[in-house]
Amino acid sequence: GMFATHGSRACANCGGSSRVPRLGVRLFLNQS
């Protein structure tokens, strides 16, 4: 959190997995 830095939540971008697909995966491979 920005104000309560002791608290945390799952990342909204990766959903808590800490990994996201690379750009080429989105363009050239079946992401599903």
PDB file of all heavy atoms in Angstrom:
ATOM      1  N   GLY A   1       0.814  -1.205   0.000  1.00  0.00           N
ATOM      2  CA  GLY A   1       0.000   0.000   0.000  1.00  0.00           C
ATOM      3  C   GLY A   1       0.846   1.252   0.000  1.00  0.00           C
ATOM      4  O   GLY A   1       1.993   1.253   0.458  1.00  0.00           O
ATOM      5  N   MET A   2       0.288   2.347  -0.504  1.00  0.00           N
ATOM      6  CA  MET A   2       1.037   3.594  -0.570  1.00  0.00           C
ATOM      7  C   MET A   2       1.144   4.240   0.812  1.00  0.00           C
ATOM      8  O   MET A   2       2.206   4.720   1.200  1.00  0.00           O
ATOM      9  CB  MET A   2       0.354   4.570  -1.527  1.00  0.00           C
ATOM     10  CG  MET A   2       1.125   5.866  -1.691  1.00  0.00           C
ATOM     11  SD  MET A   2       0.290   7.074  -2.717  1.00  0.00           S
ATOM     12  CE  MET A   2       0.330   6.267  -4.290  1.00  0.00           C
ATOM     13  N   PHE A   3       0.059   4.223   1.565  1.00  0.00           N
ATOM     14  CA  PHE A   3       0.063   4.866   2.880  1.00  0.00           C
ATOM     15  C   PHE A   3       0.345   3.860   3.994  1.00  0.00           C
ATOM     16  O   PHE A   3       1.136   4.126   4.877  1.00  0.00           O
ATOM     17  CB  PHE A   3      -1.269   5.570   3.124  1.00  0.00           C
ATOM     18  CG  PHE A   3      -1.528   6.659   2.118  1.00  0.00           C
ATOM     19  CD1 PHE A   3      -2.522   6.519   1.182  1.00  0.00           C
ATOM     20  CD2 PHE A   3      -0.755   7.803   2.102  1.00  0.00           C
ATOM     21  CE1 PHE A   3      -2.762   7.509   0.243  1.00  0.00           C
ATOM     22  CE2 PHE A   3      -0.968   8.794   1.170  1.00  0.00           C
ATOM     23  CZ  PHE A   3      -1.982   8.658   0.233  1.00  0.00           C
ATOM     24  N   ALA A   4      -0.300   2.703   3.932  1.00  0.00           N
ATOM     25  CA  ALA A   4      -0.079   1.664   4.935  1.00  0.00           C
ATOM     26  C   ALA A   4       0.900   0.653   4.335  1.00  0.00           C
ATOM     27  O   ALA A   4       0.512  -0.372   3.788  1.00  0.00           O
ATOM     28  CB  ALA A   4      -1.384   0.994   5.317  1.00  0.00           C
ATOM     29  N   THR A   5       2.182   0.958   4.411  1.00  0.00           N
ATOM     30  CA  THR A   5       3.191   0.138   3.735  1.00  0.00           C
ATOM     31  C   THR A   5       3.387  -1.223   4.385  1.00  0.00           C
ATOM     32  O   THR A   5       4.028  -2.088   3.786  1.00  0.00           O
ATOM     33  CB  THR A   5       4.536   0.876   3.682  1.00  0.00           C
ATOM     34  OG1 THR A   5       4.936   1.206   5.012  1.00  0.00           O
ATOM     35  CG2 THR A   5       4.421   2.134   2.851  1.00  0.00           C
ATOM     36  N   HIS A   6       2.860  -1.429   5.564  1.00  0.00           N
ATOM     37  CA  HIS A   6       2.993  -2.743   6.204  1.00  0.00           C
ATOM     38  C   HIS A   6       1.996  -3.749   5.611  1.00  0.00           C
ATOM     39  O   HIS A   6       2.198  -4.943   5.715  1.00  0.00           O
ATOM     40  CB  HIS A   6       2.777  -2.620   7.722  1.00  0.00           C
ATOM     41  CG  HIS A   6       1.402  -2.105   8.068  1.00  0.00           C
ATOM     42  ND1 HIS A   6       1.097  -0.759   8.025  1.00  0.00           N
ATOM     43  CD2 HIS A   6       0.277  -2.747   8.428  1.00  0.00           C
ATOM     44  CE1 HIS A   6      -0.172  -0.605   8.365  1.00  0.00           C
ATOM     45  NE2 HIS A   6      -0.698  -1.790   8.619  1.00  0.00           N
ATOM     46  N   GLY A   7       0.935  -3.264   4.999  1.00  0.00           N
ATOM     47  CA  GLY A   7      -0.062  -4.146   4.400  1.00  0.00           C
ATOM     48  C   GLY A   7       0.265  -4.420   2.934  1.00  0.00           C
ATOM     49  O   GLY A   7       0.924  -3.631   2.268  1.00  0.00           O
ATOM     50  N   SER A   8      -0.192  -5.544   2.470  1.00  0.00           N
ATOM     51  CA  SER A   8       0.025  -5.857   1.066  1.00  0.00           C
ATOM     52  C   SER A   8      -1.161  -6.665   0.541  1.00  0.00           C
ATOM     53  O   SER A   8      -1.939  -7.226   1.304  1.00  0.00           O
ATOM     54  CB  SER A   8       1.319  -6.632   0.861  1.00  0.00           C
ATOM     55  OG  SER A   8       1.244  -7.896   1.469  1.00  0.00           O
ATOM     56  N   ARG A   9      -1.270  -6.690  -0.775  1.00  0.00           N
ATOM     57  CA  ARG A   9      -2.321  -7.451  -1.424  1.00  0.00           C
ATOM     58  C   ARG A   9      -1.739  -8.069  -2.686  1.00  0.00           C
ATOM     59  O   ARG A   9      -0.623  -7.750  -3.078  1.00  0.00           O
ATOM     60  CB  ARG A   9      -3.500  -6.551  -1.772  1.00  0.00           C
ATOM     61  CG  ARG A   9      -3.129  -5.415  -2.704  1.00  0.00           C
ATOM     62  CD  ARG A   9      -4.350  -4.587  -3.079  1.00  0.00           C
ATOM     63  NE  ARG A   9      -3.988  -3.345  -3.713  1.00  0.00           N
ATOM     64  CZ  ARG A   9      -3.641  -3.196  -4.991  1.00  0.00           C
ATOM     65  NH1 ARG A   9      -3.593  -4.242  -5.777  1.00  0.00           N
ATOM     66  NH2 ARG A   9      -3.342  -2.020  -5.483  1.00  0.00           N
ATOM     67  N   ALA A  10      -2.490  -8.957  -3.291  1.00  0.00           N
ATOM     68  CA  ALA A  10      -2.025  -9.572  -4.534  1.00  0.00           C
ATOM     69  C   ALA A  10      -1.931  -8.507  -5.617  1.00  0.00           C
ATOM     70  O   ALA A  10      -2.759  -7.610  -5.708  1.00  0.00           O
ATOM     71  CB  ALA A  10      -2.974 -10.684  -4.968  1.00  0.00           C
ATOM     72  N   CYS A  11      -0.924  -8.606  -6.436  1.00  0.00           N
ATOM     73  CA  CYS A  11      -0.716  -7.660  -7.532  1.00  0.00           C
ATOM     74  C   CYS A  11      -1.873  -7.768  -8.516  1.00  0.00           C
ATOM     75  O   CYS A  11      -2.273  -8.860  -8.915  1.00  0.00           O
ATOM     76  CB  CYS A  11       0.608  -7.962  -8.226  1.00  0.00           C
ATOM     77  SG  CYS A  11       0.923  -6.949  -9.668  1.00  0.00           S
ATOM     78  N   ALA A  12      -2.419  -6.631  -8.924  1.00  0.00           N
ATOM     79  CA  ALA A  12      -3.553  -6.625  -9.846  1.00  0.00           C
ATOM     80  C   ALA A  12      -3.121  -7.003 -11.265  1.00  0.00           C
ATOM     81  O   ALA A  12      -3.917  -7.524 -12.037  1.00  0.00           O
ATOM     82  CB  ALA A  12      -4.205  -5.252  -9.851  1.00  0.00           C
ATOM     83  N   ASN A  13      -1.870  -6.764 -11.612  1.00  0.00           N
ATOM     84  CA  ASN A  13      -1.407  -7.044 -12.965  1.00  0.00           C
ATOM     85  C   ASN A  13      -1.185  -8.540 -13.193  1.00  0.00           C
ATOM     86  O   ASN A  13      -1.609  -9.086 -14.205  1.00  0.00           O
ATOM     87  CB  ASN A  13      -0.116  -6.273 -13.243  1.00  0.00           C
ATOM     88  CG  ASN A  13       0.297  -6.329 -14.684  1.00  0.00           C
ATOM     89  OD1 ASN A  13      -0.542  -6.333 -15.576  1.00  0.00           O
ATOM     90  ND2 ASN A  13       1.586  -6.378 -14.916  1.00  0.00           N
ATOM     91  N   CYS A  14      -0.527  -9.212 -12.265  1.00  0.00           N
ATOM     92  CA  CYS A  14      -0.203 -10.632 -12.449  1.00  0.00           C
ATOM     93  C   CYS A  14      -1.094 -11.550 -11.625  1.00  0.00           C
ATOM     94  O   CYS A  14      -0.989 -12.774 -11.738  1.00  0.00           O
ATOM     95  CB  CYS A  14       1.262 -10.889 -12.107  1.00  0.00           C
ATOM     96  SG  CYS A  14       1.695 -10.590 -10.385  1.00  0.00           S
ATOM     97  N   GLY A  15      -1.949 -11.013 -10.793  1.00  0.00           N
ATOM     98  CA  GLY A  15      -2.842 -11.824  -9.976  1.00  0.00           C
ATOM     99  C   GLY A  15      -2.131 -12.560  -8.855  1.00  0.00           C
ATOM    100  O   GLY A  15      -2.635 -13.553  -8.351  1.00  0.00           O
ATOM    101  N   GLY A  16      -0.940 -12.112  -8.483  1.00  0.00           N
ATOM    102  CA  GLY A  16      -0.190 -12.741  -7.410  1.00  0.00           C
ATOM    103  C   GLY A  16       0.764 -13.822  -7.882  1.00  0.00           C
ATOM    104  O   GLY A  16       1.470 -14.418  -7.079  1.00  0.00           O
ATOM    105  N   SER A  17       0.813 -14.092  -9.176  1.00  0.00           N
ATOM    106  CA  SER A  17       1.698 -15.154  -9.669  1.00  0.00           C
ATOM    107  C   SER A  17       3.127 -14.675  -9.885  1.00  0.00           C
ATOM    108  O   SER A  17       4.018 -15.487 -10.060  1.00  0.00           O
ATOM    109  CB  SER A  17       1.156 -15.721 -10.982  1.00  0.00           C
ATOM    110  OG  SER A  17       1.272 -14.767 -12.005  1.00  0.00           O
ATOM    111  N   SER A  18       3.358 -13.377  -9.932  1.00  0.00           N
ATOM    112  CA  SER A  18       4.641 -12.706 -10.143  1.00  0.00           C
ATOM    113  C   SER A  18       5.159 -12.871 -11.566  1.00  0.00           C
ATOM    114  O   SER A  18       6.260 -12.461 -11.864  1.00  0.00           O
ATOM    115  CB  SER A  18       5.704 -13.168  -9.141  1.00  0.00           C
ATOM    116  OG  SER A  18       6.180 -14.461  -9.450  1.00  0.00           O
ATOM    117  N   ARG A  19       4.371 -13.471 -12.457  1.00  0.00           N
ATOM    118  CA  ARG A  19       4.813 -13.668 -13.836  1.00  0.00           C
ATOM    119  C   ARG A  19       3.714 -13.248 -14.802  1.00  0.00           C
ATOM    120  O   ARG A  19       2.542 -13.455 -14.540  1.00  0.00           O
ATOM    121  CB  ARG A  19       5.153 -15.134 -14.061  1.00  0.00           C
ATOM    122  CG  ARG A  19       6.274 -15.604 -13.173  1.00  0.00           C
ATOM    123  CD  ARG A  19       6.332 -17.098 -13.059  1.00  0.00           C
ATOM    124  NE  ARG A  19       6.320 -17.761 -14.334  1.00  0.00           N
ATOM    125  CZ  ARG A  19       7.330 -18.478 -14.815  1.00  0.00           C
ATOM    126  NH1 ARG A  19       8.408 -18.613 -14.114  1.00  0.00           N
ATOM    127  NH2 ARG A  19       7.227 -19.053 -15.982  1.00  0.00           N
ATOM    128  N   VAL A  20       4.122 -12.668 -15.914  1.00  0.00           N
ATOM    129  CA  VAL A  20       3.196 -12.269 -16.968  1.00  0.00           C
ATOM    130  C   VAL A  20       3.721 -12.776 -18.309  1.00  0.00           C
ATOM    131  O   VAL A  20       4.927 -12.970 -18.470  1.00  0.00           O
ATOM    132  CB  VAL A  20       3.000 -10.732 -17.009  1.00  0.00           C
ATOM    133  CG1 VAL A  20       2.301 -10.232 -15.771  1.00  0.00           C
ATOM    134  CG2 VAL A  20       4.319 -10.025 -17.188  1.00  0.00           C
ATOM    135  N   PRO A  21       2.844 -13.008 -19.278  1.00  0.00           N
ATOM    136  CA  PRO A  21       3.311 -13.465 -20.590  1.00  0.00           C
ATOM    137  C   PRO A  21       4.154 -12.401 -21.287  1.00  0.00           C
ATOM    138  O   PRO A  21       3.889 -11.207 -21.175  1.00  0.00           O
ATOM    139  CB  PRO A  21       2.026 -13.702 -21.378  1.00  0.00           C
ATOM    140  CG  PRO A  21       0.944 -13.763 -20.374  1.00  0.00           C
ATOM    141  CD  PRO A  21       1.390 -12.987 -19.199  1.00  0.00           C
ATOM    142  N   ARG A  22       5.187 -12.831 -21.985  1.00  0.00           N
ATOM    143  CA  ARG A  22       6.014 -11.922 -22.766  1.00  0.00           C
ATOM    144  C   ARG A  22       5.211 -11.362 -23.931  1.00  0.00           C
ATOM    145  O   ARG A  22       4.200 -11.930 -24.341  1.00  0.00           O
ATOM    146  CB  ARG A  22       7.237 -12.651 -23.301  1.00  0.00           C
ATOM    147  CG  ARG A  22       8.222 -13.006 -22.217  1.00  0.00           C
ATOM    148  CD  ARG A  22       9.296 -13.944 -22.680  1.00  0.00           C
ATOM    149  NE  ARG A  22      10.041 -13.472 -23.839  1.00  0.00           N
ATOM    150  CZ  ARG A  22      10.912 -14.221 -24.501  1.00  0.00           C
ATOM    151  NH1 ARG A  22      11.139 -15.461 -24.117  1.00  0.00           N
ATOM    152  NH2 ARG A  22      11.551 -13.741 -25.542  1.00  0.00           N
ATOM    153  N   LEU A  23       5.673 -10.251 -24.492  1.00  0.00           N
ATOM    154  CA  LEU A  23       4.968  -9.593 -25.585  1.00  0.00           C
ATOM    155  C   LEU A  23       4.787 -10.522 -26.777  1.00  0.00           C
ATOM    156  O   LEU A  23       3.726 -10.577 -27.371  1.00  0.00           O
ATOM    157  CB  LEU A  23       5.727  -8.337 -26.018  1.00  0.00           C
ATOM    158  CG  LEU A  23       5.161  -7.608 -27.235  1.00  0.00           C
ATOM    159  CD1 LEU A  23       3.787  -7.056 -26.909  1.00  0.00           C
ATOM    160  CD2 LEU A  23       6.094  -6.515 -27.668  1.00  0.00           C
ATOM    161  N   GLY A  24       5.785 -11.274 -27.126  1.00  0.00           N
ATOM    162  CA  GLY A  24       5.686 -12.171 -28.266  1.00  0.00           C
ATOM    163  C   GLY A  24       4.664 -13.273 -28.065  1.00  0.00           C
ATOM    164  O   GLY A  24       4.060 -13.752 -29.025  1.00  0.00           O
ATOM    165  N   VAL A  25       4.447 -13.679 -26.832  1.00  0.00           N
ATOM    166  CA  VAL A  25       3.441 -14.711 -26.540  1.00  0.00           C
ATOM    167  C   VAL A  25       2.070 -14.179 -26.907  1.00  0.00           C
ATOM    168  O   VAL A  25       1.253 -14.875 -27.498  1.00  0.00           O
ATOM    169  CB  VAL A  25       3.497 -15.127 -25.054  1.00  0.00           C
ATOM    170  CG1 VAL A  25       2.321 -16.005 -24.687  1.00  0.00           C
ATOM    171  CG2 VAL A  25       4.803 -15.835 -24.765  1.00  0.00           C
ATOM    172  N   ARG A  26       1.830 -12.933 -26.587  1.00  0.00           N
ATOM    173  CA  ARG A  26       0.542 -12.325 -26.911  1.00  0.00           C
ATOM    174  C   ARG A  26       0.350 -12.191 -28.413  1.00  0.00           C
ATOM    175  O   ARG A  26      -0.768 -12.259 -28.905  1.00  0.00           O
ATOM    176  CB  ARG A  26       0.437 -10.954 -26.254  1.00  0.00           C
ATOM    177  CG  ARG A  26       0.447 -11.038 -24.751  1.00  0.00           C
ATOM    178  CD  ARG A  26       0.387  -9.660 -24.129  1.00  0.00           C
ATOM    179  NE  ARG A  26       1.024  -9.729 -22.827  1.00  0.00           N
ATOM    180  CZ  ARG A  26       1.799  -8.796 -22.319  1.00  0.00           C
ATOM    181  NH1 ARG A  26       2.045  -7.700 -22.999  1.00  0.00           N
ATOM    182  NH2 ARG A  26       2.342  -8.941 -21.153  1.00  0.00           N
ATOM    183  N   LEU A  27       1.427 -12.021 -29.153  1.00  0.00           N
ATOM    184  CA  LEU A  27       1.316 -11.796 -30.594  1.00  0.00           C
ATOM    185  C   LEU A  27       1.383 -13.077 -31.417  1.00  0.00           C
ATOM    186  O   LEU A  27       0.635 -13.239 -32.374  1.00  0.00           O
ATOM    187  CB  LEU A  27       2.438 -10.859 -31.055  1.00  0.00           C
ATOM    188  CG  LEU A  27       2.405  -9.442 -30.510  1.00  0.00           C
ATOM    189  CD1 LEU A  27       3.634  -8.679 -30.972  1.00  0.00           C
ATOM    190  CD2 LEU A  27       1.154  -8.726 -30.943  1.00  0.00           C
ATOM    191  N   PHE A  28       2.296 -13.997 -31.069  1.00  0.00           N
ATOM    192  CA  PHE A  28       2.594 -15.131 -31.939  1.00  0.00           C
ATOM    193  C   PHE A  28       2.094 -16.484 -31.444  1.00  0.00           C
ATOM    194  O   PHE A  28       1.982 -17.413 -32.226  1.00  0.00           O
ATOM    195  CB  PHE A  28       4.099 -15.240 -32.170  1.00  0.00           C
ATOM    196  CG  PHE A  28       4.701 -14.013 -32.777  1.00  0.00           C
ATOM    197  CD1 PHE A  28       5.708 -13.337 -32.136  1.00  0.00           C
ATOM    198  CD2 PHE A  28       4.246 -13.536 -33.988  1.00  0.00           C
ATOM    199  CE1 PHE A  28       6.269 -12.210 -32.695  1.00  0.00           C
ATOM    200  CE2 PHE A  28       4.793 -12.405 -34.555  1.00  0.00           C
ATOM    201  CZ  PHE A  28       5.808 -11.740 -33.908  1.00  0.00           C
ATOM    202  N   LEU A  29       1.829 -16.634 -30.158  1.00  0.00           N
ATOM    203  CA  LEU A  29       1.421 -17.930 -29.618  1.00  0.00           C
ATOM    204  C   LEU A  29       0.012 -17.847 -29.064  1.00  0.00           C
ATOM    205  O   LEU A  29      -0.485 -16.787 -28.735  1.00  0.00           O
ATOM    206  CB  LEU A  29       2.384 -18.379 -28.513  1.00  0.00           C
ATOM    207  CG  LEU A  29       3.840 -18.554 -28.914  1.00  0.00           C
ATOM    208  CD1 LEU A  29       4.658 -18.945 -27.700  1.00  0.00           C
ATOM    209  CD2 LEU A  29       4.001 -19.590 -29.994  1.00  0.00           C
ATOM    210  N   ASN A  30      -0.610 -18.995 -28.905  1.00  0.00           N
ATOM    211  CA  ASN A  30      -1.941 -19.071 -28.340  1.00  0.00           C
ATOM    212  C   ASN A  30      -1.821 -18.929 -26.825  1.00  0.00           C
ATOM    213  O   ASN A  30      -1.434 -19.867 -26.136  1.00  0.00           O
ATOM    214  CB  ASN A  30      -2.602 -20.396 -28.723  1.00  0.00           C
ATOM    215  CG  ASN A  30      -4.031 -20.464 -28.274  1.00  0.00           C
ATOM    216  OD1 ASN A  30      -4.551 -19.529 -27.682  1.00  0.00           O
ATOM    217  ND2 ASN A  30      -4.666 -21.575 -28.557  1.00  0.00           N
ATOM    218  N   GLN A  31      -2.165 -17.769 -26.304  1.00  0.00           N
ATOM    219  CA  GLN A  31      -1.981 -17.484 -24.890  1.00  0.00           C
ATOM    220  C   GLN A  31      -2.887 -18.319 -23.991  1.00  0.00           C
ATOM    221  O   GLN A  31      -2.562 -18.603 -22.860  1.00  0.00           O
ATOM    222  CB  GLN A  31      -2.226 -16.001 -24.625  1.00  0.00           C
ATOM    223  CG  GLN A  31      -1.893 -15.549 -23.225  1.00  0.00           C
ATOM    224  CD  GLN A  31      -2.065 -14.066 -23.050  1.00  0.00           C
ATOM    225  OE1 GLN A  31      -2.325 -13.337 -24.000  1.00  0.00           O
ATOM    226  NE2 GLN A  31      -1.959 -13.600 -21.833  1.00  0.00           N
ATOM    227  N   SER A  32      -4.016 -18.770 -24.509  1.00  0.00           N
ATOM    228  CA  SER A  32      -4.955 -19.531 -23.685  1.00  0.00           C
ATOM    229  C   SER A  32      -4.386 -20.899 -23.294  1.00  0.00           C
ATOM    230  O   SER A  32      -4.800 -21.483 -22.300  1.00  0.00           O
ATOM    231  CB  SER A  32      -6.281 -19.695 -24.405  1.00  0.00           C
ATOM    232  OG  SER A  32      -6.098 -20.460 -25.578  1.00  0.00           O
TER     233      SER A  32
END
